[in-house]
Amino acid sequence: MCEPTMIMAGLSAASTVIEFLEASRQADEVQARYDQNRIAAAQARDLKIQSLNQRAIQESEAAGEAKQKQAIEALEMRERAVVAAGEAGVTGGSVDMLLADYTAQKLRGVTTINRNLENIERQIELEKMGASAEAESRINSMPQGTQPSFLAAAISAGASGYASYKQYEVKPAGKYNSPFGSNTTRARTIAETPEAL
């Protein structure tokens, strides 16, 4: 038959093991939520970046079309001026200045389109960085699961079991002065108790 002190010590140690297993299970759940959040944040970031990349492509295509339109218009205006000057019989510096002005207008238009496109591309890059920072912030907003220390649980279980053993250990009584006259009677220990009890 096991002594009650050993049973209490074993129960105390078992309780610590159960607490360790429960803490480990909870840490796994917290880690699973963290992992799901991290995946969702990364997917949201990736979709936003894909959208921004698509916008950059569209803006680049629109700028190319605008430059081409600008070049065609400048060429048409220049050629009209050449034809008009030829029909009127005008030549010289004023015609050359007019033709140079049409070329300058075209170049200023192309420069403006290029500058606007560069600004849009910079803005898109900043938005991409913002999407990455937002995803990182979202990921860091949730704690990761931290597994409990097995060594700490083992030491705690041993200490708890030892403390329970010491708490419930029955110590033999010394001399007992009975109010009924016998001075030599002492309490029995659990080991000395007959099994019939």
Protein backbone atom coordinates (compact mmCIF):
# COMPACT_ATOMS: atom_id res chain seq x y z
CA MET A 1 0.00 0.00 0.00
CA CYS A 2 1.31 3.48 -0.90
CA GLU A 3 1.72 6.01 1.78
CA PRO A 4 -0.61 9.01 1.54
CA THR A 5 2.40 11.34 1.55
CA MET A 6 3.72 9.67 -1.59
CA ILE A 7 0.30 9.86 -3.22
CA MET A 8 0.06 13.59 -2.44
CA ALA A 9 3.58 14.17 -3.75
CA GLY A 10 2.75 12.28 -6.94
CA LEU A 11 -0.49 14.21 -7.42
CA SER A 12 1.32 17.50 -6.94
CA ALA A 13 3.97 16.57 -9.49
CA ALA A 14 1.28 15.33 -11.93
CA SER A 15 -0.55 18.63 -11.54
CA THR A 16 2.61 20.50 -12.56
CA VAL A 17 3.03 18.24 -15.60
CA ILE A 18 -0.60 18.91 -16.61
CA GLU A 19 -0.02 22.65 -16.22
CA PHE A 20 3.06 22.34 -18.45
CA LEU A 21 1.10 20.45 -21.12
CA GLU A 22 -1.72 23.04 -21.00
CA ALA A 23 0.75 25.94 -21.29
CA SER A 24 2.36 24.17 -24.25
CA ARG A 25 -1.04 23.71 -25.92
CA GLN A 26 -1.90 27.38 -25.37
CA ALA A 27 1.47 28.44 -26.80
CA ASP A 28 0.75 26.34 -29.90
CA GLU A 29 -2.66 28.03 -30.30
CA VAL A 30 -1.14 31.52 -29.94
CA GLN A 31 1.57 30.60 -32.47
CA ALA A 32 -1.05 29.28 -34.91
CA ARG A 33 -3.01 32.57 -34.68
CA TYR A 34 0.25 34.50 -35.18
CA ASP A 35 1.11 32.42 -38.26
CA GLN A 36 -2.38 32.91 -39.75
CA ASN A 37 -2.14 36.67 -39.15
CA ARG A 38 1.34 36.79 -40.71
CA ILE A 39 0.16 34.93 -43.82
CA ALA A 40 -2.92 37.14 -44.18
CA ALA A 41 -0.85 40.32 -43.75
CA ALA A 42 1.68 39.15 -46.34
CA GLN A 43 -1.08 38.26 -48.80
CA ALA A 44 -2.74 41.67 -48.33
CA ARG A 45 0.61 43.38 -48.88
CA ASP A 46 1.30 41.32 -52.00
CA LEU A 47 -2.12 42.15 -53.48
CA LYS A 48 -1.61 45.85 -52.80
CA ILE A 49 1.84 45.77 -54.39
CA GLN A 50 0.48 43.91 -57.44
CA SER A 51 -2.20 46.58 -57.77
CA LEU A 52 0.42 49.33 -57.51
CA ASN A 53 2.61 47.57 -60.11
CA GLN A 54 -0.37 47.42 -62.45
CA ARG A 55 -0.99 51.13 -61.89
CA ALA A 56 2.67 51.88 -62.68
CA ILE A 57 2.39 49.95 -65.95
CA GLN A 58 -0.80 51.80 -66.88
CA GLU A 59 0.75 55.18 -66.06
CA SER A 60 3.83 54.33 -68.12
CA GLU A 61 1.70 53.28 -71.09
CA ALA A 62 -0.40 56.45 -70.80
CA ALA A 63 2.76 58.58 -70.70
CA GLY A 64 4.09 56.82 -73.81
CA GLU A 65 0.83 57.47 -75.63
CA ALA A 66 0.86 61.13 -74.52
CA LYS A 67 4.45 61.56 -75.77
CA GLN A 68 3.57 59.97 -79.08
CA LYS A 69 0.51 62.22 -79.44
CA GLN A 70 2.63 65.25 -78.53
CA ALA A 71 5.25 64.31 -81.15
CA ILE A 72 2.62 63.85 -83.87
CA GLU A 73 0.95 67.18 -83.06
CA ALA A 74 4.30 69.01 -83.06
CA LEU A 75 5.26 67.39 -86.36
CA GLU A 76 1.90 68.33 -87.93
CA MET A 77 2.23 71.94 -86.73
CA ARG A 78 5.82 72.16 -87.98
CA GLU A 79 4.96 70.75 -91.37
CA ARG A 80 1.96 73.11 -91.70
CA ALA A 81 4.28 76.02 -90.95
CA VAL A 82 6.79 74.80 -93.57
CA VAL A 83 4.03 74.44 -96.18
CA ALA A 84 2.50 77.83 -95.29
CA ALA A 85 5.90 79.53 -95.43
CA GLY A 86 6.65 77.87 -98.78
CA GLU A 87 3.28 78.88 -100.24
CA ALA A 88 3.75 82.44 -99.04
CA GLY A 89 7.31 82.52 -100.24
CA VAL A 90 8.61 83.41 -96.78
CA THR A 91 12.07 82.20 -95.80
CA GLY A 92 14.78 83.13 -93.40
CA GLY A 93 15.18 83.61 -89.68
CA SER A 94 11.53 84.11 -88.77
CA VAL A 95 10.54 80.79 -90.34
CA ASP A 96 13.46 79.06 -88.66
CA MET A 97 12.43 80.59 -85.29
CA LEU A 98 8.85 79.40 -85.77
CA LEU A 99 10.02 75.87 -86.60
CA ALA A 100 12.41 75.86 -83.61
CA ASP A 101 9.54 77.01 -81.37
CA TYR A 102 7.40 74.03 -82.45
CA THR A 103 10.31 71.69 -81.66
CA ALA A 104 10.82 73.39 -78.27
CA GLN A 105 7.11 73.05 -77.44
CA LYS A 106 7.29 69.35 -78.23
CA LEU A 107 10.38 68.90 -76.04
CA ARG A 108 8.81 70.87 -73.15
CA GLY A 109 5.71 68.70 -73.41
CA VAL A 110 7.77 65.50 -73.38
CA THR A 111 9.81 66.78 -70.41
CA THR A 112 6.60 67.54 -68.50
CA ILE A 113 5.21 64.09 -69.27
CA ASN A 114 8.47 62.44 -68.15
CA ARG A 115 8.58 64.49 -64.92
CA ASN A 116 4.95 63.61 -64.13
CA LEU A 117 5.64 59.93 -64.80
CA GLU A 118 8.72 59.99 -62.51
CA ASN A 119 6.64 61.61 -59.74
CA ILE A 120 3.92 58.99 -60.13
CA GLU A 121 6.51 56.19 -60.04
CA ARG A 122 8.07 57.67 -56.86
CA GLN A 123 4.62 57.89 -55.29
CA ILE A 124 3.91 54.27 -56.18
CA GLU A 125 7.22 53.16 -54.65
CA LEU A 126 6.35 55.04 -51.45
CA GLU A 127 2.95 53.35 -51.38
CA LYS A 128 4.67 49.97 -51.77
CA MET A 129 6.95 50.77 -48.83
CA GLY A 130 3.87 51.83 -46.86
CA ALA A 131 2.15 48.54 -47.69
CA SER A 132 5.20 46.62 -46.46
CA ALA A 133 5.38 48.67 -43.26
CA GLU A 134 1.65 48.18 -42.69
CA ALA A 135 2.02 44.41 -43.11
CA GLU A 136 4.96 44.34 -40.70
CA SER A 137 3.02 46.36 -38.16
CA ARG A 138 0.05 44.02 -38.50
CA ILE A 139 2.29 40.99 -38.05
CA ASN A 140 3.99 42.50 -34.99
CA SER A 141 0.64 43.42 -33.43
CA MET A 142 0.12 39.81 -32.36
CA PRO A 143 2.34 37.94 -29.92
CA GLN A 144 4.08 34.77 -30.92
CA GLY A 145 3.52 31.61 -28.92
CA THR A 146 6.24 30.97 -26.37
CA GLN A 147 6.70 27.37 -25.32
CA PRO A 148 7.07 26.82 -21.59
CA SER A 149 10.40 25.56 -20.31
CA PHE A 150 10.45 21.82 -19.76
CA LEU A 151 13.34 22.15 -17.31
CA ALA A 152 11.44 24.73 -15.25
CA ALA A 153 8.35 22.49 -15.25
CA ALA A 154 10.42 19.47 -14.17
CA ILE A 155 12.05 21.43 -11.35
CA SER A 156 8.67 22.81 -10.31
CA ALA A 157 7.14 19.34 -10.35
CA GLY A 158 9.97 17.96 -8.22
CA ALA A 159 9.82 20.85 -5.77
CA SER A 160 6.05 20.64 -5.57
CA GLY A 161 6.15 16.90 -4.98
CA TYR A 162 8.82 17.26 -2.30
CA ALA A 163 6.87 20.05 -0.59
CA SER A 164 3.72 17.91 -0.60
CA TYR A 165 5.66 14.97 0.79
CA LYS A 166 7.07 17.09 3.58
CA GLN A 167 3.68 18.68 4.32
CA TYR A 168 1.83 15.40 4.68
CA GLU A 169 4.61 13.36 6.27
CA VAL A 170 3.46 11.98 9.62
CA LYS A 171 6.06 12.31 12.33
CA PRO A 172 5.88 10.17 15.44
CA ALA A 173 4.88 12.03 18.52
CA GLY A 174 7.21 12.11 21.43
CA LYS A 175 6.04 11.59 25.00
CA TYR A 176 2.45 12.35 25.46
CA ASN A 177 1.01 13.30 28.81
CA SER A 178 -2.46 11.90 28.79
CA PRO A 179 -5.04 13.61 30.90
CA PHE A 180 -6.12 10.12 31.86
CA GLY A 181 -2.90 9.17 33.58
CA SER A 182 -0.63 7.32 31.19
CA ASN A 183 2.60 9.20 30.35
CA THR A 184 4.21 6.71 27.95
CA THR A 185 1.63 6.53 25.17
CA ARG A 186 2.54 8.10 21.85
CA ALA A 187 0.70 8.47 18.55
CA ARG A 188 1.19 5.77 15.99
CA THR A 189 2.65 6.52 12.59
CA ILE A 190 0.80 5.46 9.45
CA ALA A 191 3.28 2.66 8.98
CA GLU A 192 2.44 1.32 12.45
CA THR A 193 -1.30 1.42 11.90
CA PRO A 194 -2.82 -2.00 11.32
CA GLU A 195 -4.06 -2.53 7.76
CA ALA A 196 -7.47 -3.47 9.04
CA LEU A 197 -8.23 0.15 9.88
